[in-house]
N, C-alpha and C. Protein backbone atom coordinates (compact mmCIF):
# COMPACT_ATOMS: atom_id res chain seq x y z
N MET A 1 -16.01 33.76 59.78
CA MET A 1 -15.69 33.49 61.61
C MET A 1 -16.50 32.05 61.65
N LYS A 2 -17.97 32.19 61.38
CA LYS A 2 -18.64 31.10 61.79
C LYS A 2 -18.30 29.95 61.15
N ILE A 3 -18.07 29.81 59.84
CA ILE A 3 -17.64 28.82 58.96
C ILE A 3 -16.05 28.31 59.25
N ALA A 4 -15.22 28.75 59.81
CA ALA A 4 -14.09 28.41 60.14
C ALA A 4 -14.39 27.56 61.56
N LEU A 5 -14.79 28.32 62.36
CA LEU A 5 -15.23 27.58 63.81
C LEU A 5 -15.79 25.96 63.51
N ILE A 6 -17.07 26.08 62.62
CA ILE A 6 -17.60 24.77 62.53
C ILE A 6 -16.73 23.83 61.56
N ALA A 7 -16.10 24.34 60.60
CA ALA A 7 -14.93 23.49 59.87
C ALA A 7 -14.13 22.53 60.85
N LEU A 8 -13.33 23.85 61.72
CA LEU A 8 -12.29 23.03 62.89
C LEU A 8 -13.17 22.12 63.80
N LEU A 9 -14.17 22.30 64.50
CA LEU A 9 -15.12 21.76 65.14
C LEU A 9 -15.09 20.42 64.34
N TYR A 10 -15.79 20.56 63.05
CA TYR A 10 -15.70 19.06 62.32
C TYR A 10 -14.33 18.40 62.84
N ASN A 11 -13.33 18.94 62.14
CA ASN A 11 -12.18 18.26 62.30
C ASN A 11 -11.93 17.48 63.65
N GLY A 12 -12.47 18.37 64.50
CA GLY A 12 -12.23 17.68 65.82
C GLY A 12 -13.25 16.19 66.02
N VAL A 13 -14.31 16.50 65.23
CA VAL A 13 -15.31 15.44 65.71
C VAL A 13 -14.54 14.10 64.45
N TRP A 14 -14.00 14.63 63.59
CA TRP A 14 -13.52 13.36 62.71
C TRP A 14 -12.31 12.83 63.36
N ALA A 15 -11.27 13.74 63.97
CA ALA A 15 -10.23 12.93 64.59
C ALA A 15 -10.72 12.09 66.14
N ALA A 16 -11.65 12.58 66.67
CA ALA A 16 -12.33 11.75 67.57
C ALA A 16 -13.02 10.40 67.22
N SER A 17 -13.64 10.46 66.06
CA SER A 17 -14.42 9.76 65.44
C SER A 17 -13.15 8.16 65.07
N VAL A 18 -12.00 8.92 64.15
CA VAL A 18 -11.16 7.66 63.88
C VAL A 18 -10.17 7.42 64.68
N LEU A 19 -9.81 8.27 65.51
CA LEU A 19 -9.06 7.99 66.95
C LEU A 19 -9.68 6.88 67.56
N GLY A 20 -11.04 7.39 68.05
CA GLY A 20 -11.84 6.29 68.93
C GLY A 20 -11.82 4.97 68.31
N GLY A 21 -12.16 5.17 66.82
CA GLY A 21 -12.40 3.93 65.79
C GLY A 21 -11.43 2.90 65.87
N ALA A 22 -10.16 3.65 65.84
CA ALA A 22 -8.80 2.86 65.62
C ALA A 22 -8.74 2.09 67.00
N GLU A 23 -9.18 2.22 68.07
CA GLU A 23 -9.08 1.74 69.24
C GLU A 23 -10.45 0.76 69.79
N GLY A 24 -11.43 0.92 68.58
CA GLY A 24 -12.42 -0.13 68.86
C GLY A 24 -13.83 0.63 69.56
N LEU A 25 -13.56 2.28 69.60
CA LEU A 25 -14.43 2.78 70.41
C LEU A 25 -15.40 3.69 69.40
N SER A 26 -16.65 3.55 69.58
CA SER A 26 -17.39 4.52 68.68
C SER A 26 -17.97 5.76 69.61
N TRP A 27 -18.01 5.96 70.77
CA TRP A 27 -18.64 6.66 71.37
C TRP A 27 -17.96 8.10 71.60
N PRO A 28 -16.31 8.42 71.21
CA PRO A 28 -15.88 9.34 71.24
C PRO A 28 -16.35 10.22 70.15
N GLY A 29 -16.54 9.78 69.02
CA GLY A 29 -17.14 10.49 67.61
C GLY A 29 -18.42 10.63 67.93
N ALA A 30 -19.35 9.65 68.40
CA ALA A 30 -20.83 10.19 68.30
C ALA A 30 -21.02 11.07 69.51
N ALA A 31 -20.67 11.26 70.43
CA ALA A 31 -20.47 12.31 71.40
C ALA A 31 -20.27 13.13 71.04
N SER A 32 -19.03 13.52 70.21
CA SER A 32 -18.26 14.82 70.16
C SER A 32 -19.11 15.64 68.84
N GLY A 33 -19.89 14.54 67.88
CA GLY A 33 -20.78 14.64 66.91
C GLY A 33 -22.16 15.58 67.57
N VAL A 34 -22.47 14.83 68.46
CA VAL A 34 -23.95 15.69 69.17
C VAL A 34 -23.51 16.80 69.56
N VAL A 35 -22.64 16.75 70.38
CA VAL A 35 -22.30 18.27 70.68
C VAL A 35 -22.26 19.13 69.60
N LEU A 36 -21.36 18.99 68.55
CA LEU A 36 -21.09 19.96 67.35
C LEU A 36 -22.47 19.94 66.88
N LEU A 37 -23.46 18.95 66.37
CA LEU A 37 -24.60 19.39 65.91
C LEU A 37 -25.57 20.50 66.75
N GLY A 38 -25.38 20.20 68.12
CA GLY A 38 -26.07 21.11 68.96
C GLY A 38 -25.43 22.74 68.84
N ILE A 39 -23.93 22.74 68.62
CA ILE A 39 -23.53 24.11 68.54
C ILE A 39 -24.07 24.87 66.87
N VAL A 40 -24.22 23.83 65.83
CA VAL A 40 -24.54 23.92 64.56
C VAL A 40 -26.25 24.36 64.76
N ALA A 41 -27.00 24.16 65.45
CA ALA A 41 -28.22 24.17 65.72
C ALA A 41 -28.61 26.02 66.65
N ALA A 42 -27.77 25.57 67.01
CA ALA A 42 -27.88 27.12 68.14
C ALA A 42 -27.13 28.35 66.92
N MET A 43 -26.26 28.18 66.31
CA MET A 43 -25.60 28.97 65.20
C MET A 43 -26.84 29.22 64.45
N ARG A 44 -27.76 28.21 63.91
CA ARG A 44 -28.65 28.21 62.85
C ARG A 44 -29.79 28.95 63.12
N GLY A 45 -30.42 29.18 64.77
CA GLY A 45 -31.48 29.76 65.45
C GLY A 45 -32.34 28.37 65.66
N GLY A 46 -31.94 27.41 65.57
CA GLY A 46 -32.58 26.04 66.00
C GLY A 46 -32.65 25.12 65.34
N VAL A 47 -33.53 24.10 65.40
CA VAL A 47 -33.66 23.08 64.58
C VAL A 47 -35.01 23.05 63.62
N ASP A 48 -34.76 22.59 62.55
CA ASP A 48 -36.25 22.46 61.67
C ASP A 48 -35.85 21.03 61.20
N ARG A 49 -37.00 20.60 60.47
CA ARG A 49 -37.45 19.28 60.34
C ARG A 49 -36.54 18.70 58.91
N ARG A 50 -36.24 20.02 57.84
CA ARG A 50 -35.49 19.62 56.85
C ARG A 50 -34.07 19.42 57.13
N TRP A 51 -33.45 20.09 58.10
CA TRP A 51 -32.20 19.82 58.60
C TRP A 51 -32.01 18.38 59.04
N LEU A 52 -33.20 18.18 60.43
CA LEU A 52 -33.05 16.96 60.81
C LEU A 52 -33.10 15.68 59.86
N LEU A 53 -34.08 15.67 59.06
CA LEU A 53 -33.98 14.86 57.93
C LEU A 53 -32.68 14.68 56.76
N LEU A 54 -31.84 15.88 57.00
CA LEU A 54 -30.56 15.89 56.19
C LEU A 54 -29.56 15.05 57.04
N ILE A 55 -29.34 15.10 58.60
CA ILE A 55 -28.61 14.54 59.43
C ILE A 55 -29.14 13.08 59.12
N LEU A 56 -30.58 12.37 59.60
CA LEU A 56 -30.65 11.39 59.57
C LEU A 56 -30.62 10.71 58.18
N GLY A 57 -30.93 11.48 57.02
CA GLY A 57 -30.68 10.80 55.70
C GLY A 57 -29.03 10.30 55.66
N ALA A 58 -28.43 11.27 55.84
CA ALA A 58 -26.89 11.08 55.53
C ALA A 58 -26.46 10.04 56.57
N GLY A 59 -26.94 9.75 57.88
CA GLY A 59 -26.43 8.63 58.91
C GLY A 59 -26.82 7.54 58.12
N LEU A 60 -28.14 7.48 57.56
CA LEU A 60 -28.52 5.99 56.93
C LEU A 60 -27.87 5.89 55.22
N PHE A 61 -27.59 7.12 54.67
CA PHE A 61 -26.79 6.58 53.31
C PHE A 61 -25.47 6.32 53.86
N GLY A 62 -24.86 6.75 54.77
CA GLY A 62 -23.66 6.05 55.09
C GLY A 62 -23.30 5.00 55.77
N PHE A 63 -24.71 4.55 56.45
CA PHE A 63 -24.62 3.09 57.18
C PHE A 63 -24.64 2.30 55.67
N ALA A 64 -25.53 2.43 55.07
CA ALA A 64 -25.92 1.56 53.60
C ALA A 64 -24.85 1.41 52.72
N ALA A 65 -24.16 2.97 52.63
CA ALA A 65 -23.16 2.78 51.39
C ALA A 65 -21.63 2.04 52.04
N ASP A 66 -21.15 2.69 52.85
CA ASP A 66 -20.03 2.13 53.79
C ASP A 66 -20.48 0.48 53.84
N GLY A 67 -21.60 0.44 54.66
CA GLY A 67 -21.76 -0.97 55.16
C GLY A 67 -22.07 -1.99 54.00
N ALA A 68 -22.48 -1.51 52.74
CA ALA A 68 -22.34 -2.20 51.61
C ALA A 68 -20.75 -2.36 51.22
N LEU A 69 -19.80 -1.59 51.11
CA LEU A 69 -18.55 -1.79 50.73
C LEU A 69 -17.86 -2.80 51.66
N ALA A 70 -18.12 -2.61 53.22
CA ALA A 70 -17.43 -3.15 54.29
C ALA A 70 -18.08 -4.94 53.79
N ALA A 71 -19.33 -5.11 53.65
CA ALA A 71 -19.76 -6.39 53.72
C ALA A 71 -19.32 -7.18 52.53
N ALA A 72 -19.03 -6.17 51.33
CA ALA A 72 -18.58 -6.77 50.25
C ALA A 72 -16.99 -7.11 50.22
N GLY A 73 -16.35 -6.63 51.75
CA GLY A 73 -14.88 -6.98 51.53
C GLY A 73 -14.07 -5.83 50.98
N VAL A 74 -14.60 -4.63 50.77
CA VAL A 74 -13.70 -3.60 49.98
C VAL A 74 -13.45 -2.66 51.08
N LEU A 75 -13.79 -2.47 51.92
CA LEU A 75 -13.62 -1.51 53.01
C LEU A 75 -13.63 -2.56 54.28
N GLU A 76 -12.64 -2.39 55.19
CA GLU A 76 -12.39 -3.27 56.52
C GLU A 76 -12.27 -2.13 57.33
N PHE A 77 -13.00 -2.00 58.30
CA PHE A 77 -13.21 -1.03 59.65
C PHE A 77 -12.66 -1.60 60.77
N THR A 78 -11.66 -1.26 61.96
CA THR A 78 -10.99 -1.71 62.89
C THR A 78 -12.68 -1.43 64.02
N GLY A 79 -12.57 -2.19 64.98
CA GLY A 79 -13.66 -2.15 65.93
C GLY A 79 -14.99 -2.59 65.04
N ALA A 80 -15.34 -2.84 63.63
CA ALA A 80 -16.55 -3.72 63.29
C ALA A 80 -17.09 -4.62 64.50
N GLN A 81 -18.41 -4.43 64.69
CA GLN A 81 -18.48 -5.85 65.67
C GLN A 81 -20.08 -6.17 65.33
N GLY A 82 -20.55 -7.20 65.75
CA GLY A 82 -21.54 -8.05 65.26
C GLY A 82 -21.66 -8.45 63.66
N ALA A 83 -23.02 -8.60 63.09
CA ALA A 83 -23.30 -9.30 61.83
C ALA A 83 -22.90 -8.11 60.90
N TRP A 84 -23.06 -6.77 60.88
CA TRP A 84 -22.92 -5.79 60.39
C TRP A 84 -21.43 -5.45 60.43
N PRO A 85 -20.52 -5.18 59.25
CA PRO A 85 -19.04 -4.96 59.19
C PRO A 85 -18.65 -3.68 59.46
N LEU A 86 -19.57 -2.62 59.92
CA LEU A 86 -19.16 -1.44 60.16
C LEU A 86 -19.56 -0.55 61.51
N PRO A 87 -18.61 -0.11 62.25
CA PRO A 87 -18.54 0.38 63.37
C PRO A 87 -19.64 1.32 63.42
N LEU A 88 -20.27 1.78 64.67
CA LEU A 88 -21.22 3.31 64.54
C LEU A 88 -20.79 4.56 64.57
N TRP A 89 -19.67 4.44 64.79
CA TRP A 89 -18.93 5.69 64.65
C TRP A 89 -18.89 6.13 63.49
N MET A 90 -18.90 5.27 62.42
CA MET A 90 -19.14 5.58 60.93
C MET A 90 -20.37 6.50 60.26
N PRO A 91 -21.26 5.89 60.67
CA PRO A 91 -22.80 6.55 60.23
C PRO A 91 -23.09 7.95 60.97
N ALA A 92 -22.26 7.89 62.42
CA ALA A 92 -22.34 9.03 63.28
C ALA A 92 -21.46 10.33 62.50
N LEU A 93 -20.31 9.85 61.95
CA LEU A 93 -19.76 10.67 61.31
C LEU A 93 -20.50 11.34 59.80
N TRP A 94 -21.09 10.63 59.34
CA TRP A 94 -21.79 10.86 58.08
C TRP A 94 -22.68 11.81 58.79
N ALA A 95 -23.94 11.55 59.63
CA ALA A 95 -24.58 12.48 60.01
C ALA A 95 -23.95 13.80 60.45
N THR A 96 -23.41 13.68 61.34
CA THR A 96 -22.75 15.03 61.48
C THR A 96 -21.89 16.04 60.39
N PHE A 97 -21.44 15.34 59.64
CA PHE A 97 -21.12 16.12 58.23
C PHE A 97 -21.95 16.49 57.44
N ALA A 98 -23.12 16.13 57.51
CA ALA A 98 -24.12 16.63 56.85
C ALA A 98 -24.95 17.52 57.54
N GLY A 99 -24.97 17.44 58.95
CA GLY A 99 -25.65 18.73 59.62
C GLY A 99 -24.76 20.20 59.63
N CYS A 100 -23.70 19.54 59.28
CA CYS A 100 -22.61 21.18 59.07
C CYS A 100 -22.65 21.38 57.38
N ILE A 101 -23.26 20.99 56.58
CA ILE A 101 -23.30 21.56 55.21
C ILE A 101 -23.80 22.64 55.00
N PRO A 102 -24.93 22.97 56.08
CA PRO A 102 -25.75 24.62 55.47
C PRO A 102 -24.57 25.57 56.46
N VAL A 103 -23.69 25.09 57.17
CA VAL A 103 -23.13 26.30 57.57
C VAL A 103 -21.62 26.32 56.55
N ILE A 104 -21.06 25.17 56.59
CA ILE A 104 -19.53 25.50 55.84
C ILE A 104 -19.64 25.47 54.43
N PHE A 105 -20.72 24.54 53.68
CA PHE A 105 -20.52 24.45 52.39
C PHE A 105 -21.87 25.21 51.48
N ARG A 106 -22.23 26.57 52.14
CA ARG A 106 -22.88 27.64 51.56
C ARG A 106 -22.52 27.68 49.81
N PHE A 107 -21.26 27.76 49.56
CA PHE A 107 -20.33 28.02 48.64
C PHE A 107 -20.83 26.88 47.58
N LEU A 108 -21.38 26.12 47.81
CA LEU A 108 -21.94 24.74 46.90
C LEU A 108 -23.32 25.06 46.63
N GLU A 109 -23.82 25.62 47.00
CA GLU A 109 -25.37 26.16 46.87
C GLU A 109 -25.51 26.03 45.32
N GLY A 110 -26.40 25.31 44.58
CA GLY A 110 -26.36 25.57 43.06
C GLY A 110 -25.41 25.05 42.34
N ARG A 111 -24.35 24.36 42.89
CA ARG A 111 -22.97 23.78 41.99
C ARG A 111 -22.88 22.60 42.62
N LEU A 112 -24.08 21.94 42.02
CA LEU A 112 -23.87 20.23 42.27
C LEU A 112 -22.52 19.73 41.53
N ALA A 113 -22.50 19.95 40.48
CA ALA A 113 -20.99 19.39 39.89
C ALA A 113 -20.05 19.63 40.48
N LEU A 114 -19.58 20.80 40.88
CA LEU A 114 -18.43 21.02 41.98
C LEU A 114 -18.61 20.24 42.91
N SER A 115 -19.86 20.31 44.01
CA SER A 115 -19.73 19.61 44.84
C SER A 115 -19.51 18.08 44.77
N ALA A 116 -19.83 17.44 43.32
CA ALA A 116 -19.61 15.96 43.04
C ALA A 116 -17.60 15.86 43.14
N VAL A 117 -17.38 16.83 42.15
CA VAL A 117 -15.70 16.76 42.19
C VAL A 117 -15.21 16.77 43.36
N ILE A 118 -15.59 17.92 44.01
CA ILE A 118 -14.65 18.34 45.53
C ILE A 118 -15.08 16.69 46.53
N ALA A 119 -16.30 16.13 46.23
CA ALA A 119 -16.34 15.03 47.01
C ALA A 119 -15.71 13.97 46.75
N GLY A 120 -15.43 13.63 45.25
CA GLY A 120 -15.11 12.57 44.69
C GLY A 120 -13.76 12.46 44.81
N VAL A 121 -12.95 13.79 45.21
CA VAL A 121 -11.39 13.59 45.91
C VAL A 121 -11.41 13.75 47.25
N ALA A 122 -11.99 14.56 47.83
CA ALA A 122 -11.82 14.73 49.35
C ALA A 122 -12.34 13.52 50.10
N GLY A 123 -13.41 12.53 49.38
CA GLY A 123 -13.96 11.66 49.98
C GLY A 123 -12.87 10.72 50.62
N PRO A 124 -12.28 10.08 49.31
CA PRO A 124 -10.59 9.06 49.55
C PRO A 124 -10.15 9.52 50.34
N VAL A 125 -9.51 10.76 49.93
CA VAL A 125 -8.62 11.24 50.89
C VAL A 125 -8.75 11.15 52.61
N THR A 126 -9.76 11.61 53.02
CA THR A 126 -10.14 11.45 54.22
C THR A 126 -10.00 10.05 55.11
N TYR A 127 -10.43 9.06 53.78
CA TYR A 127 -10.73 7.54 54.19
C TYR A 127 -9.03 6.98 54.40
N ALA A 128 -8.41 7.37 53.28
CA ALA A 128 -6.72 6.92 53.58
C ALA A 128 -6.39 7.57 54.73
N GLY A 129 -6.47 9.06 55.09
CA GLY A 129 -6.30 9.49 56.46
C GLY A 129 -6.69 8.59 57.72
N ALA A 130 -7.62 8.16 57.84
CA ALA A 130 -8.66 7.34 58.52
C ALA A 130 -7.54 5.82 58.86
N ALA A 131 -7.21 5.72 57.45
CA ALA A 131 -6.24 4.35 57.19
C ALA A 131 -4.97 4.33 57.78
N ARG A 132 -4.54 5.62 57.89
CA ARG A 132 -3.13 5.91 58.16
C ARG A 132 -3.30 6.08 59.94
N LEU A 133 -4.11 6.22 60.52
CA LEU A 133 -4.41 6.48 61.81
C LEU A 133 -5.08 5.23 62.45
N GLY A 134 -5.13 3.82 61.58
CA GLY A 134 -5.66 2.92 61.78
C GLY A 134 -7.27 2.55 62.26
N ALA A 135 -8.20 3.17 61.78
CA ALA A 135 -9.59 3.29 61.85
C ALA A 135 -9.81 2.31 60.78
N VAL A 136 -9.31 2.10 59.79
CA VAL A 136 -10.03 1.50 58.56
C VAL A 136 -8.53 0.74 57.57
N GLU A 137 -8.71 -0.38 57.51
CA GLU A 137 -7.69 -0.93 56.76
C GLU A 137 -7.46 0.06 55.03
N PRO A 138 -6.05 -0.13 55.05
CA PRO A 138 -5.48 0.63 53.53
C PRO A 138 -6.68 0.20 52.29
N MET A 139 -6.60 1.40 51.47
CA MET A 139 -7.39 0.92 50.63
C MET A 139 -6.96 0.51 49.27
N ASP A 140 -7.35 -0.37 48.46
CA ASP A 140 -6.71 -0.46 47.15
C ASP A 140 -7.59 0.67 46.01
N THR A 141 -7.23 -0.03 44.46
CA THR A 141 -7.88 1.31 43.79
C THR A 141 -9.05 1.02 44.03
N LEU A 142 -9.73 -0.19 43.68
CA LEU A 142 -11.39 -0.28 43.69
C LEU A 142 -11.93 0.35 45.00
N ALA A 143 -11.35 0.39 45.92
CA ALA A 143 -11.80 0.69 47.38
C ALA A 143 -11.56 2.63 47.24
N VAL A 144 -10.86 3.04 46.69
CA VAL A 144 -10.59 4.36 46.28
C VAL A 144 -11.57 4.57 45.51
N ALA A 145 -12.09 4.00 44.43
CA ALA A 145 -12.73 4.39 43.30
C ALA A 145 -14.26 4.25 43.82
N LEU A 146 -14.59 3.43 44.28
CA LEU A 146 -15.84 3.16 45.11
C LEU A 146 -16.31 4.21 46.16
N VAL A 147 -15.32 4.67 46.97
CA VAL A 147 -15.79 5.62 47.85
C VAL A 147 -15.60 7.00 47.22
N ALA A 148 -14.93 7.29 46.18
CA ALA A 148 -15.11 8.78 45.32
C ALA A 148 -16.51 8.57 44.72
N LEU A 149 -16.99 7.31 44.44
CA LEU A 149 -18.24 7.62 43.96
C LEU A 149 -19.18 7.52 44.67
N GLU A 150 -19.21 6.81 46.04
CA GLU A 150 -20.22 7.07 47.11
C GLU A 150 -20.35 8.69 47.32
N TRP A 151 -19.20 9.59 47.52
CA TRP A 151 -19.05 10.70 47.82
C TRP A 151 -19.52 11.60 47.06
N ALA A 152 -19.25 11.29 45.71
CA ALA A 152 -19.50 12.57 44.63
C ALA A 152 -21.16 12.00 44.18
N ILE A 153 -21.74 10.87 44.69
CA ILE A 153 -23.35 10.67 44.72
C ILE A 153 -23.79 11.47 45.91
N PHE A 154 -23.24 11.39 47.30
CA PHE A 154 -23.91 11.98 48.24
C PHE A 154 -23.90 13.25 48.49
N LEU A 155 -23.01 13.84 48.16
CA LEU A 155 -22.55 15.33 48.56
C LEU A 155 -23.72 16.57 47.70
N PRO A 156 -23.43 16.17 46.07
CA PRO A 156 -24.50 16.82 45.47
C PRO A 156 -25.88 16.49 45.88
N LEU A 157 -26.55 15.54 46.42
CA LEU A 157 -27.74 15.39 46.88
C LEU A 157 -28.35 15.91 48.25
N ALA A 158 -26.89 15.96 49.14
CA ALA A 158 -27.18 16.63 50.59
C ALA A 158 -27.01 18.09 50.25
N VAL A 159 -26.21 18.61 49.50
CA VAL A 159 -26.39 20.20 49.15
C VAL A 159 -27.79 20.54 48.42
N ALA A 160 -28.16 19.72 47.71
CA ALA A 160 -29.46 20.10 47.33
C ALA A 160 -30.54 19.80 48.15
N TRP A 161 -30.65 19.23 49.31
CA TRP A 161 -31.58 18.90 50.07
C TRP A 161 -31.33 19.85 50.98
N ALA A 162 -30.02 20.39 51.43
CA ALA A 162 -29.92 21.47 52.32
C ALA A 162 -30.27 22.82 51.91
N PHE A 163 -30.02 22.99 50.83
CA PHE A 163 -30.26 24.44 50.38
C PHE A 163 -31.60 24.37 49.32
N GLY A 164 -32.48 23.40 49.19
CA GLY A 164 -33.61 23.41 48.56
C GLY A 164 -34.38 24.12 49.27
N ARG A 165 -35.43 24.10 48.04
CA ARG A 165 -36.99 24.96 48.85
C ARG A 165 -37.60 24.56 50.20
N PRO A 166 -37.96 24.94 51.07
CA PRO A 166 -38.81 24.30 52.05
C PRO A 166 -40.06 23.75 51.57
N ALA A 167 -40.43 22.52 52.56
CA ALA A 167 -41.72 21.94 52.12
C ALA A 167 -42.75 23.14 51.92
N ARG A 168 -43.66 22.63 51.43
CA ARG A 168 -44.90 23.65 51.36
C ARG A 168 -45.48 24.09 52.72
N GLY A 169 -45.62 25.17 52.89
CA GLY A 169 -45.96 25.71 54.18
C GLY A 169 -44.93 26.20 55.35
N ALA A 170 -43.88 25.32 55.07
CA ALA A 170 -42.66 25.31 56.27
C ALA A 170 -42.26 26.41 56.09
N GLN A 171 -41.37 26.86 56.92
CA GLN A 171 -40.75 28.25 57.31
C GLN A 171 -39.24 27.90 57.05
N PRO A 172 -38.43 28.38 56.25
CA PRO A 172 -37.24 28.25 55.87
C PRO A 172 -36.10 28.42 57.15
N ALA A 173 -35.27 27.74 57.40
CA ALA A 173 -34.32 27.67 58.23
C ALA A 173 -33.34 29.06 58.30
N ALA A 174 -33.29 29.36 59.75
CA ALA A 174 -32.43 30.40 59.80
C ALA A 174 -31.23 30.28 59.28
N ARG A 175 -30.46 31.00 58.78
CA ARG A 175 -29.00 30.78 58.16
C ARG A 175 -28.13 31.69 58.52
């Protein structure tokens, strides 16, 4: 029940991010992401340093990876402003996704190759969905391949971090 609820709510955050992004707005996705992370924190029994680092690291990874693809002209996001060609809703979405990993993706614990395959397929599919809704320009073959690669790298790293041993002296997170 908990997995289905968080997966459903994450899809709502994705929709708010993408539909808002298509209109040049970052706040709908970012705000709904914060609410979802609060719900996940409550379900997990609180917030711990490892989980916060997972969320922060994912946001930074997404900012760097998608930002580099956008700067290179491989991806083009609607509503990107300023010198960096990546709207703020995108790294917020990466961060929210990562915060949900300990709840939704427990079945991937210890299955890093499987997580790479799933992410390598699902990543480009979600970007294609965002393109159909107008948040990102349609992707060519190179963009699909690079998005698949970034996700095939990211998810195994995030899963390993999410389910890895806690730092020495730290209490394991409630699951």
